Amino acid sequence: MTRRTITTALVTILAGCFGGFGGPGDSGGGNGDGDNPALARATQRGDLRLTSPAFGDGERIPDRYGRGERDVNPPLEIEGVPDDADSLALVVDDSDAVEPAGRIWVHWLVWNVPPETTTIPEDWEAAGAVEGENDFGGVGYGGPSPPDAEHTYRFKAYALDAVFDLEAGASADDLGAAMDGHVTAQTQLTGTYPP
């Protein structure tokens, strides 16, 4: 066996062991659900940007958006949507709240957002879009509610080259399967929230 053959074999073995990292469905996440593009970290791709007038990237999310307070989504601003995007999707999750099964806690799933959307107002009704099931068992936004310590919440936006035929209340797995191979740009905004 040559050195090249051994090196190739080792690379293949390592790729199999760490298949959730850097594979086609992974956006660079390393915290559970790496094969689900809806739940992986949305490493910057393209010019798409997501910001909020309520908090800056990495800053504290105001109390009123928490589950124990008003429990409404914060306002969001979207920029840099590719011209060829057919729709947008939004995902909010808590990668610090990985369940025993290794799943990331889902706070909000929204898809089929019109690509010309530039503003998501506070307490948005998701007009023209479809919302999925959060891990509180409801459909729509479920605010931060960390049980133990300050958690970091990921607000992710995706530009997609498709419109999905998913019914309201679909799961993160359903959305991830639909998104696979259709993400043309993505971005992420993070915010923290204490217990």
N, C-alpha and C. Protein backbone atom coordinates (compact mmCIF):
# COMPACT_ATOMS: atom_id res chain seq x y z
N MET A 1 0.86 -1.18 0.00
CA MET A 1 0.00 0.00 0.00
C MET A 1 0.90 1.24 0.00
N THR A 2 0.65 2.15 -0.89
CA THR A 2 1.48 3.34 -0.99
C THR A 2 1.05 4.39 0.02
N ARG A 3 1.93 5.38 0.22
CA ARG A 3 1.63 6.47 1.14
C ARG A 3 0.39 7.24 0.67
N ARG A 4 0.27 7.43 -0.67
CA ARG A 4 -0.88 8.15 -1.22
C ARG A 4 -2.18 7.39 -0.93
N THR A 5 -2.16 6.06 -1.07
CA THR A 5 -3.33 5.24 -0.80
C THR A 5 -3.73 5.33 0.67
N ILE A 6 -2.73 5.27 1.56
CA ILE A 6 -3.00 5.38 3.00
C ILE A 6 -3.59 6.75 3.33
N THR A 7 -3.01 7.81 2.76
CA THR A 7 -3.52 9.15 3.01
C THR A 7 -4.96 9.29 2.54
N THR A 8 -5.25 8.76 1.32
CA THR A 8 -6.61 8.82 0.78
C THR A 8 -7.57 8.05 1.67
N ALA A 9 -7.15 6.89 2.14
CA ALA A 9 -8.01 6.08 3.01
C ALA A 9 -8.30 6.81 4.31
N LEU A 10 -7.26 7.42 4.89
CA LEU A 10 -7.46 8.17 6.14
C LEU A 10 -8.42 9.33 5.94
N VAL A 11 -8.28 10.06 4.84
CA VAL A 11 -9.18 11.18 4.57
C VAL A 11 -10.60 10.68 4.44
N THR A 12 -10.79 9.55 3.75
CA THR A 12 -12.12 8.98 3.58
C THR A 12 -12.72 8.57 4.92
N ILE A 13 -11.91 7.93 5.76
CA ILE A 13 -12.39 7.50 7.08
C ILE A 13 -12.77 8.70 7.92
N LEU A 14 -11.91 9.72 7.94
CA LEU A 14 -12.20 10.92 8.72
C LEU A 14 -13.43 11.63 8.21
N ALA A 15 -13.61 11.68 6.90
CA ALA A 15 -14.80 12.31 6.34
C ALA A 15 -16.05 11.58 6.80
N GLY A 16 -15.96 10.24 6.88
CA GLY A 16 -17.10 9.47 7.35
C GLY A 16 -17.40 9.72 8.81
N CYS A 17 -16.35 9.87 9.62
CA CYS A 17 -16.53 10.10 11.06
C CYS A 17 -17.11 11.47 11.34
N PHE A 18 -16.74 12.44 10.52
CA PHE A 18 -17.17 13.81 10.77
C PHE A 18 -18.08 14.30 9.67
N GLY A 19 -18.93 13.41 9.16
CA GLY A 19 -19.77 13.74 8.02
C GLY A 19 -20.69 14.92 8.24
N GLY A 20 -21.04 15.24 9.49
CA GLY A 20 -21.95 16.35 9.75
C GLY A 20 -21.29 17.69 9.61
N PHE A 21 -19.97 17.73 9.40
CA PHE A 21 -19.25 18.99 9.35
C PHE A 21 -18.70 19.21 7.95
N GLY A 22 -19.16 20.26 7.32
CA GLY A 22 -18.63 20.61 6.02
C GLY A 22 -19.24 19.84 4.87
N GLY A 23 -20.23 19.00 5.11
CA GLY A 23 -20.90 18.27 4.05
C GLY A 23 -21.88 19.17 3.32
N PRO A 24 -22.57 18.64 2.30
CA PRO A 24 -23.44 19.45 1.48
C PRO A 24 -24.55 20.13 2.27
N GLY A 25 -25.05 19.47 3.31
CA GLY A 25 -26.14 20.07 4.07
C GLY A 25 -25.69 20.92 5.23
N ASP A 26 -24.39 21.01 5.47
CA ASP A 26 -23.89 21.72 6.64
C ASP A 26 -23.49 23.13 6.28
N SER A 27 -23.86 24.05 7.13
CA SER A 27 -23.49 25.44 6.91
C SER A 27 -22.38 25.86 7.84
N GLY A 28 -21.65 24.91 8.36
CA GLY A 28 -20.52 25.23 9.22
C GLY A 28 -20.82 25.06 10.68
N GLY A 29 -21.98 24.48 11.01
CA GLY A 29 -22.34 24.31 12.41
C GLY A 29 -21.59 23.14 13.00
N GLY A 30 -21.42 23.18 14.31
CA GLY A 30 -20.80 22.05 14.96
C GLY A 30 -21.60 21.65 16.16
N ASN A 31 -22.82 22.13 16.26
CA ASN A 31 -23.59 21.93 17.47
C ASN A 31 -24.91 21.26 17.14
N GLY A 32 -24.87 19.97 16.78
CA GLY A 32 -26.09 19.25 16.50
C GLY A 32 -26.70 19.64 15.17
N ASP A 33 -27.42 18.71 14.55
CA ASP A 33 -28.18 18.93 13.33
C ASP A 33 -27.35 19.53 12.20
N GLY A 34 -26.07 19.13 12.10
CA GLY A 34 -25.22 19.64 11.04
C GLY A 34 -25.69 19.26 9.65
N ASP A 35 -26.50 18.20 9.52
CA ASP A 35 -26.99 17.79 8.21
C ASP A 35 -28.29 18.48 7.83
N ASN A 36 -28.87 19.24 8.71
CA ASN A 36 -30.11 19.97 8.41
C ASN A 36 -29.75 21.43 8.15
N PRO A 37 -29.87 21.91 6.91
CA PRO A 37 -29.47 23.29 6.63
C PRO A 37 -30.28 24.33 7.39
N ALA A 38 -31.46 23.98 7.86
CA ALA A 38 -32.26 24.93 8.64
C ALA A 38 -31.73 25.11 10.05
N LEU A 39 -31.01 24.09 10.56
CA LEU A 39 -30.56 24.13 11.95
C LEU A 39 -29.05 24.26 12.12
N ALA A 40 -28.32 24.22 11.02
CA ALA A 40 -26.87 24.42 11.10
C ALA A 40 -26.58 25.92 11.21
N ARG A 41 -25.36 26.25 11.63
CA ARG A 41 -24.95 27.65 11.69
C ARG A 41 -24.97 28.21 10.27
N ALA A 42 -25.56 29.38 10.08
CA ALA A 42 -25.66 30.00 8.76
C ALA A 42 -24.42 30.84 8.48
N THR A 43 -23.33 30.17 8.17
CA THR A 43 -22.09 30.86 7.82
C THR A 43 -22.37 31.78 6.64
N GLN A 44 -21.85 33.00 6.70
CA GLN A 44 -22.14 34.00 5.67
C GLN A 44 -21.86 33.48 4.27
N ARG A 45 -22.86 33.61 3.41
CA ARG A 45 -22.71 33.29 2.00
C ARG A 45 -23.45 34.34 1.19
N GLY A 46 -22.77 35.01 0.29
CA GLY A 46 -23.38 36.06 -0.51
C GLY A 46 -23.47 37.37 0.25
N ASP A 47 -24.26 38.29 -0.28
CA ASP A 47 -24.40 39.64 0.29
C ASP A 47 -25.60 39.78 1.22
N LEU A 48 -26.32 38.71 1.44
CA LEU A 48 -27.51 38.75 2.30
C LEU A 48 -27.12 39.20 3.71
N ARG A 49 -27.91 40.10 4.28
CA ARG A 49 -27.66 40.60 5.64
C ARG A 49 -28.97 40.64 6.43
N LEU A 50 -28.88 40.28 7.70
CA LEU A 50 -30.01 40.35 8.63
C LEU A 50 -29.58 41.14 9.84
N THR A 51 -30.30 42.21 10.14
CA THR A 51 -29.99 43.04 11.31
C THR A 51 -31.30 43.31 12.05
N SER A 52 -31.16 43.89 13.24
CA SER A 52 -32.33 44.28 14.02
C SER A 52 -32.10 45.64 14.63
N PRO A 53 -33.10 46.53 14.55
CA PRO A 53 -32.98 47.81 15.24
C PRO A 53 -33.10 47.66 16.76
N ALA A 54 -33.50 46.47 17.23
CA ALA A 54 -33.69 46.25 18.67
C ALA A 54 -32.41 45.81 19.38
N PHE A 55 -31.48 45.19 18.65
CA PHE A 55 -30.22 44.73 19.25
C PHE A 55 -29.19 44.51 18.15
N GLY A 56 -27.92 44.69 18.48
CA GLY A 56 -26.84 44.46 17.54
C GLY A 56 -26.37 43.02 17.58
N ASP A 57 -25.60 42.64 16.59
CA ASP A 57 -25.09 41.27 16.53
C ASP A 57 -24.27 40.96 17.78
N GLY A 58 -24.64 39.89 18.48
CA GLY A 58 -23.94 39.48 19.68
C GLY A 58 -24.39 40.20 20.94
N GLU A 59 -25.33 41.13 20.81
CA GLU A 59 -25.81 41.90 21.97
C GLU A 59 -27.02 41.24 22.61
N ARG A 60 -27.42 41.79 23.75
CA ARG A 60 -28.55 41.26 24.51
C ARG A 60 -29.87 41.59 23.83
N ILE A 61 -30.73 40.59 23.70
CA ILE A 61 -32.07 40.78 23.16
C ILE A 61 -32.93 41.42 24.24
N PRO A 62 -33.66 42.49 23.93
CA PRO A 62 -34.50 43.13 24.96
C PRO A 62 -35.51 42.16 25.57
N ASP A 63 -35.78 42.37 26.85
CA ASP A 63 -36.66 41.47 27.61
C ASP A 63 -38.00 41.21 26.95
N ARG A 64 -38.58 42.25 26.33
CA ARG A 64 -39.96 42.12 25.83
C ARG A 64 -40.13 41.02 24.77
N TYR A 65 -39.03 40.57 24.16
CA TYR A 65 -39.14 39.53 23.14
C TYR A 65 -39.03 38.13 23.72
N GLY A 66 -38.84 38.01 25.04
CA GLY A 66 -38.73 36.72 25.70
C GLY A 66 -40.08 36.04 25.88
N ARG A 67 -40.03 34.75 26.08
CA ARG A 67 -41.25 33.94 26.22
C ARG A 67 -42.06 34.36 27.45
N GLY A 68 -41.38 34.75 28.52
CA GLY A 68 -42.07 35.14 29.74
C GLY A 68 -42.52 36.59 29.73
N GLU A 69 -42.25 37.31 28.67
CA GLU A 69 -42.65 38.72 28.56
C GLU A 69 -43.72 38.85 27.46
N ARG A 70 -43.49 39.70 26.46
CA ARG A 70 -44.49 39.86 25.40
C ARG A 70 -44.50 38.69 24.42
N ASP A 71 -43.37 37.99 24.32
CA ASP A 71 -43.27 36.80 23.47
C ASP A 71 -43.64 37.11 22.02
N VAL A 72 -43.07 38.20 21.49
CA VAL A 72 -43.26 38.56 20.09
C VAL A 72 -41.88 38.67 19.44
N ASN A 73 -41.84 38.49 18.13
CA ASN A 73 -40.56 38.56 17.44
C ASN A 73 -40.02 39.98 17.43
N PRO A 74 -38.72 40.14 17.52
CA PRO A 74 -38.12 41.47 17.38
C PRO A 74 -38.20 41.92 15.93
N PRO A 75 -38.11 43.22 15.69
CA PRO A 75 -38.07 43.70 14.31
C PRO A 75 -36.76 43.29 13.65
N LEU A 76 -36.83 42.99 12.36
CA LEU A 76 -35.67 42.57 11.61
C LEU A 76 -35.61 43.32 10.28
N GLU A 77 -34.40 43.55 9.81
CA GLU A 77 -34.17 44.20 8.51
C GLU A 77 -33.38 43.25 7.63
N ILE A 78 -33.79 43.13 6.37
CA ILE A 78 -33.15 42.22 5.42
C ILE A 78 -32.58 43.04 4.26
N GLU A 79 -31.33 42.79 3.94
CA GLU A 79 -30.67 43.48 2.82
C GLU A 79 -29.88 42.47 1.99
N GLY A 80 -29.58 42.85 0.76
CA GLY A 80 -28.69 42.05 -0.08
C GLY A 80 -29.27 40.77 -0.60
N VAL A 81 -30.60 40.72 -0.78
CA VAL A 81 -31.23 39.52 -1.33
C VAL A 81 -30.82 39.37 -2.80
N PRO A 82 -30.35 38.19 -3.20
CA PRO A 82 -29.97 38.00 -4.60
C PRO A 82 -31.15 38.25 -5.54
N ASP A 83 -30.86 38.78 -6.72
CA ASP A 83 -31.91 39.09 -7.69
C ASP A 83 -32.68 37.86 -8.13
N ASP A 84 -32.02 36.70 -8.11
CA ASP A 84 -32.68 35.49 -8.59
C ASP A 84 -33.37 34.69 -7.49
N ALA A 85 -33.48 35.25 -6.29
CA ALA A 85 -34.15 34.54 -5.19
C ALA A 85 -35.65 34.44 -5.46
N ASP A 86 -36.22 33.27 -5.22
CA ASP A 86 -37.66 33.07 -5.36
C ASP A 86 -38.39 33.22 -4.03
N SER A 87 -37.68 33.05 -2.93
CA SER A 87 -38.28 33.20 -1.61
C SER A 87 -37.19 33.33 -0.56
N LEU A 88 -37.60 33.68 0.65
CA LEU A 88 -36.71 33.75 1.81
C LEU A 88 -37.25 32.84 2.90
N ALA A 89 -36.36 32.39 3.77
CA ALA A 89 -36.77 31.65 4.97
C ALA A 89 -36.05 32.26 6.16
N LEU A 90 -36.71 32.23 7.30
CA LEU A 90 -36.14 32.70 8.57
C LEU A 90 -36.20 31.55 9.57
N VAL A 91 -35.13 31.39 10.32
CA VAL A 91 -35.09 30.38 11.37
C VAL A 91 -34.47 31.03 12.60
N VAL A 92 -35.10 30.85 13.75
CA VAL A 92 -34.53 31.30 15.02
C VAL A 92 -34.39 30.06 15.90
N ASP A 93 -33.17 29.83 16.38
CA ASP A 93 -32.96 28.68 17.25
C ASP A 93 -31.97 29.01 18.35
N ASP A 94 -31.86 28.09 19.30
CA ASP A 94 -30.99 28.25 20.45
C ASP A 94 -30.01 27.08 20.44
N SER A 95 -28.80 27.33 19.96
CA SER A 95 -27.82 26.25 19.86
C SER A 95 -27.23 25.88 21.21
N ASP A 96 -27.49 26.70 22.24
CA ASP A 96 -27.04 26.35 23.59
C ASP A 96 -28.01 25.39 24.28
N ALA A 97 -29.19 25.24 23.71
CA ALA A 97 -30.22 24.37 24.32
C ALA A 97 -30.34 23.09 23.50
N VAL A 98 -29.25 22.38 23.37
CA VAL A 98 -29.27 21.12 22.63
C VAL A 98 -29.90 20.06 23.52
N GLU A 99 -30.96 19.44 23.01
CA GLU A 99 -31.67 18.41 23.77
C GLU A 99 -30.78 17.17 23.91
N PRO A 100 -31.16 16.26 24.83
CA PRO A 100 -30.37 15.04 25.00
C PRO A 100 -30.17 14.27 23.70
N ALA A 101 -31.15 14.35 22.79
CA ALA A 101 -31.04 13.63 21.51
C ALA A 101 -30.12 14.35 20.54
N GLY A 102 -29.60 15.52 20.94
CA GLY A 102 -28.68 16.25 20.08
C GLY A 102 -29.34 17.26 19.17
N ARG A 103 -30.64 17.49 19.37
CA ARG A 103 -31.36 18.44 18.53
C ARG A 103 -31.31 19.84 19.13
N ILE A 104 -31.22 20.81 18.26
CA ILE A 104 -31.21 22.22 18.64
C ILE A 104 -32.65 22.69 18.86
N TRP A 105 -32.86 23.54 19.88
CA TRP A 105 -34.20 24.02 20.22
C TRP A 105 -34.64 25.08 19.20
N VAL A 106 -35.80 24.85 18.58
CA VAL A 106 -36.33 25.73 17.53
C VAL A 106 -37.32 26.73 18.13
N HIS A 107 -37.10 28.01 17.83
CA HIS A 107 -37.98 29.07 18.30
C HIS A 107 -38.89 29.65 17.22
N TRP A 108 -38.45 29.57 15.97
CA TRP A 108 -39.26 30.15 14.89
C TRP A 108 -38.82 29.60 13.55
N LEU A 109 -39.78 29.19 12.75
CA LEU A 109 -39.55 28.76 11.38
C LEU A 109 -40.51 29.51 10.48
N VAL A 110 -40.00 30.18 9.46
CA VAL A 110 -40.83 30.90 8.51
C VAL A 110 -40.26 30.67 7.12
N TRP A 111 -41.10 30.35 6.16
CA TRP A 111 -40.64 30.16 4.79
C TRP A 111 -41.64 30.78 3.81
N ASN A 112 -41.24 30.79 2.55
CA ASN A 112 -42.02 31.45 1.49
C ASN A 112 -42.23 32.93 1.76
N VAL A 113 -41.25 33.54 2.42
CA VAL A 113 -41.26 34.98 2.61
C VAL A 113 -40.95 35.60 1.24
N PRO A 114 -41.77 36.55 0.76
CA PRO A 114 -41.50 37.15 -0.54
C PRO A 114 -40.09 37.75 -0.59
N PRO A 115 -39.35 37.53 -1.68
CA PRO A 115 -37.96 37.96 -1.74
C PRO A 115 -37.76 39.47 -1.70
N GLU A 116 -38.81 40.22 -1.99
CA GLU A 116 -38.70 41.68 -1.93
C GLU A 116 -38.87 42.23 -0.52
N THR A 117 -39.10 41.35 0.45
CA THR A 117 -39.28 41.77 1.84
C THR A 117 -37.98 42.36 2.39
N THR A 118 -38.08 43.56 2.95
CA THR A 118 -36.89 44.20 3.55
C THR A 118 -37.06 44.42 5.05
N THR A 119 -38.31 44.38 5.52
CA THR A 119 -38.58 44.64 6.95
C THR A 119 -39.53 43.59 7.50
N ILE A 120 -39.16 43.02 8.63
CA ILE A 120 -40.04 42.15 9.41
C ILE A 120 -40.37 42.94 10.67
N PRO A 121 -41.60 43.46 10.78
CA PRO A 121 -41.91 44.29 11.95
C PRO A 121 -42.04 43.46 13.23
N GLU A 122 -41.92 44.13 14.34
CA GLU A 122 -42.17 43.48 15.63
C GLU A 122 -43.57 42.89 15.64
N ASP A 123 -43.72 41.70 16.22
CA ASP A 123 -45.01 41.02 16.31
C ASP A 123 -45.62 40.82 14.92
N TRP A 124 -44.79 40.35 13.99
CA TRP A 124 -45.18 40.17 12.60
C TRP A 124 -46.25 39.10 12.45
N GLU A 125 -47.19 39.33 11.58
CA GLU A 125 -48.25 38.37 11.30
C GLU A 125 -47.86 37.36 10.22
N ALA A 126 -46.65 37.47 9.69
CA ALA A 126 -46.14 36.56 8.65
C ALA A 126 -47.01 36.58 7.40
N ALA A 127 -47.49 37.75 7.04
CA ALA A 127 -48.33 37.89 5.85
C ALA A 127 -47.55 37.47 4.62
N GLY A 128 -48.17 36.65 3.80
CA GLY A 128 -47.54 36.18 2.57
C GLY A 128 -46.51 35.10 2.78
N ALA A 129 -46.37 34.62 4.00
CA ALA A 129 -45.39 33.57 4.32
C ALA A 129 -46.08 32.46 5.11
N VAL A 130 -45.32 31.42 5.41
CA VAL A 130 -45.86 30.27 6.16
C VAL A 130 -44.96 30.01 7.36
N GLU A 131 -45.57 29.72 8.52
CA GLU A 131 -44.81 29.46 9.74
C GLU A 131 -44.89 27.99 10.12
N GLY A 132 -43.79 27.50 10.69
CA GLY A 132 -43.73 26.11 11.13
C GLY A 132 -43.89 25.97 12.63
N GLU A 133 -43.75 24.74 13.08
CA GLU A 133 -43.91 24.42 14.51
C GLU A 133 -42.61 24.70 15.25
N ASN A 134 -42.73 25.38 16.39
CA ASN A 134 -41.56 25.59 17.25
C ASN A 134 -41.50 24.48 18.28
N ASP A 135 -40.43 24.44 19.06
CA ASP A 135 -40.27 23.36 20.03
C ASP A 135 -41.04 23.57 21.33
N PHE A 136 -41.85 24.63 21.38
CA PHE A 136 -42.79 24.79 22.49
C PHE A 136 -44.11 24.09 22.14
N GLY A 137 -44.21 23.58 20.91
CA GLY A 137 -45.41 22.88 20.48
C GLY A 137 -46.42 23.77 19.79
N GLY A 138 -46.05 25.01 19.50
CA GLY A 138 -46.97 25.92 18.82
C GLY A 138 -46.45 26.26 17.43
N VAL A 139 -47.27 26.99 16.69
CA VAL A 139 -46.88 27.45 15.37
C VAL A 139 -46.59 28.94 15.47
N GLY A 140 -45.45 29.37 14.94
CA GLY A 140 -45.07 30.77 14.99
C GLY A 140 -43.88 30.98 15.92
N TYR A 141 -43.72 32.23 16.34
CA TYR A 141 -42.58 32.62 17.16
C TYR A 141 -42.77 32.20 18.61
N GLY A 142 -41.71 31.66 19.20
CA GLY A 142 -41.64 31.38 20.63
C GLY A 142 -40.37 32.01 21.16
N GLY A 143 -40.49 32.96 22.04
CA GLY A 143 -39.35 33.76 22.48
C GLY A 143 -38.33 33.02 23.32
N PRO A 144 -37.17 33.67 23.54
CA PRO A 144 -36.12 33.10 24.38
C PRO A 144 -36.63 32.76 25.78
N SER A 145 -36.18 31.62 26.28
CA SER A 145 -36.57 31.19 27.62
C SER A 145 -35.52 30.23 28.18
N PRO A 146 -34.29 30.71 28.34
CA PRO A 146 -33.24 29.80 28.80
C PRO A 146 -33.50 29.33 30.23
N PRO A 147 -33.35 28.04 30.50
CA PRO A 147 -33.67 27.52 31.82
C PRO A 147 -32.54 27.63 32.84
N ASP A 148 -31.31 27.84 32.38
CA ASP A 148 -30.18 27.65 33.28
C ASP A 148 -29.18 28.80 33.30
N ALA A 149 -28.89 29.38 32.15
CA ALA A 149 -27.86 30.42 32.05
C ALA A 149 -28.15 31.24 30.80
N GLU A 150 -27.38 32.29 30.59
CA GLU A 150 -27.56 33.08 29.38
C GLU A 150 -27.28 32.22 28.15
N HIS A 151 -28.19 32.27 27.18
CA HIS A 151 -28.04 31.52 25.95
C HIS A 151 -27.88 32.46 24.77
N THR A 152 -27.31 31.95 23.70
CA THR A 152 -27.17 32.70 22.46
C THR A 152 -28.19 32.18 21.45
N TYR A 153 -28.93 33.10 20.88
CA TYR A 153 -29.98 32.78 19.92
C TYR A 153 -29.54 33.21 18.53
N ARG A 154 -29.79 32.32 17.56
CA ARG A 154 -29.38 32.58 16.18
C ARG A 154 -30.61 32.95 15.35
N PHE A 155 -30.58 34.12 14.76
CA PHE A 155 -31.60 34.58 13.83
C PHE A 155 -30.98 34.41 12.45
N LYS A 156 -31.53 33.50 11.64
CA LYS A 156 -30.90 33.15 10.38
C LYS A 156 -31.84 33.46 9.22
N ALA A 157 -31.28 33.98 8.15
CA ALA A 157 -32.05 34.27 6.94
C ALA A 157 -31.42 33.53 5.78
N TYR A 158 -32.27 32.99 4.92
CA TYR A 158 -31.82 32.23 3.76
C TYR A 158 -32.52 32.74 2.50
N ALA A 159 -31.77 32.97 1.45
CA ALA A 159 -32.34 33.23 0.12
C ALA A 159 -32.40 31.89 -0.60
N LEU A 160 -33.54 31.62 -1.21
CA LEU A 160 -33.78 30.30 -1.80
C LEU A 160 -34.20 30.43 -3.27
N ASP A 161 -33.86 29.44 -4.06
CA ASP A 161 -34.24 29.46 -5.47
C ASP A 161 -35.52 28.67 -5.72
N ALA A 162 -36.37 28.57 -4.68
CA ALA A 162 -37.61 27.80 -4.78
C ALA A 162 -38.64 28.38 -3.81
N VAL A 163 -39.90 28.02 -4.05
CA VAL A 163 -41.00 28.27 -3.13
C VAL A 163 -41.48 26.89 -2.70
N PHE A 164 -41.68 26.68 -1.40
CA PHE A 164 -41.94 25.34 -0.89
C PHE A 164 -43.42 25.06 -0.69
N ASP A 165 -43.79 23.82 -0.99
CA ASP A 165 -45.15 23.36 -0.80
C ASP A 165 -45.24 22.64 0.55
N LEU A 166 -44.97 23.41 1.61
CA LEU A 166 -45.04 22.88 2.98
C LEU A 166 -46.21 23.54 3.69
N GLU A 167 -46.98 22.76 4.41
CA GLU A 167 -48.12 23.31 5.14
C GLU A 167 -47.67 23.99 6.42
N ALA A 168 -48.46 24.93 6.90
CA ALA A 168 -48.20 25.57 8.19
C ALA A 168 -48.08 24.49 9.26
N GLY A 169 -47.13 24.69 10.17
CA GLY A 169 -46.92 23.72 11.24
C GLY A 169 -45.92 22.64 10.89
N ALA A 170 -45.32 22.72 9.70
CA ALA A 170 -44.28 21.74 9.35
C ALA A 170 -43.10 21.88 10.30
N SER A 171 -42.33 20.84 10.41
CA SER A 171 -41.22 20.79 11.37
C SER A 171 -39.93 21.34 10.78
N ALA A 172 -38.94 21.51 11.64
CA ALA A 172 -37.61 21.92 11.19
C ALA A 172 -37.01 20.88 10.27
N ASP A 173 -37.30 19.61 10.50
CA ASP A 173 -36.81 18.56 9.61
C ASP A 173 -37.43 18.69 8.22
N ASP A 174 -38.73 18.99 8.19
CA ASP A 174 -39.42 19.19 6.90
C ASP A 174 -38.81 20.37 6.15
N LEU A 175 -38.61 21.48 6.87
CA LEU A 175 -38.05 22.67 6.23
C LEU A 175 -36.63 22.40 5.76
N GLY A 176 -35.82 21.76 6.59
CA GLY A 176 -34.45 21.46 6.21
C GLY A 176 -34.38 20.59 4.97
N ALA A 177 -35.26 19.60 4.88
CA ALA A 177 -35.28 18.73 3.70
C ALA A 177 -35.65 19.52 2.45
N ALA A 178 -36.61 20.43 2.60
CA ALA A 178 -37.02 21.26 1.46
C ALA A 178 -35.91 22.22 1.04
N MET A 179 -35.19 22.78 2.02
CA MET A 179 -34.14 23.75 1.74
C MET A 179 -32.90 23.14 1.10
N ASP A 180 -32.65 21.87 1.35
CA ASP A 180 -31.42 21.24 0.91
C ASP A 180 -31.22 21.40 -0.59
N GLY A 181 -30.12 22.03 -0.98
CA GLY A 181 -29.80 22.24 -2.38
C GLY A 181 -30.43 23.48 -2.99
N HIS A 182 -31.18 24.25 -2.20
CA HIS A 182 -31.88 25.44 -2.72
C HIS A 182 -31.41 26.75 -2.10
N VAL A 183 -30.43 26.70 -1.19
CA VAL A 183 -29.95 27.92 -0.54
C VAL A 183 -28.93 28.61 -1.44
N THR A 184 -29.24 29.85 -1.84
CA THR A 184 -28.31 30.60 -2.70
C THR A 184 -27.53 31.65 -1.91
N ALA A 185 -28.02 32.04 -0.76
CA ALA A 185 -27.32 32.98 0.12
C ALA A 185 -27.85 32.78 1.53
N GLN A 186 -27.03 33.10 2.53
CA GLN A 186 -27.48 32.95 3.91
C GLN A 186 -26.68 33.87 4.80
N THR A 187 -27.27 34.18 5.95
CA THR A 187 -26.62 35.06 6.92
C THR A 187 -27.19 34.78 8.30
N GLN A 188 -26.53 35.30 9.32
CA GLN A 188 -26.93 35.03 10.70
C GLN A 188 -26.69 36.24 11.59
N LEU A 189 -27.66 36.50 12.45
CA LEU A 189 -27.59 37.52 13.49
C LEU A 189 -27.74 36.79 14.81
N THR A 190 -26.89 37.09 15.80
CA THR A 190 -27.03 36.44 17.10
C THR A 190 -27.38 37.47 18.18
N GLY A 191 -28.07 36.97 19.19
CA GLY A 191 -28.40 37.79 20.35
C GLY A 191 -28.42 36.91 21.58
N THR A 192 -28.17 37.48 22.74
CA THR A 192 -28.15 36.71 23.98
C THR A 192 -29.37 37.05 24.83
N TYR A 193 -29.72 36.14 25.73
CA TYR A 193 -30.87 36.34 26.62
C TYR A 193 -30.61 35.59 27.91
N PRO A 194 -30.79 36.24 29.07
CA PRO A 194 -30.55 35.56 30.36
C PRO A 194 -31.79 34.86 30.86
N PRO A 195 -31.64 33.95 31.83
CA PRO A 195 -32.82 33.27 32.41
C PRO A 195 -33.65 34.24 33.25
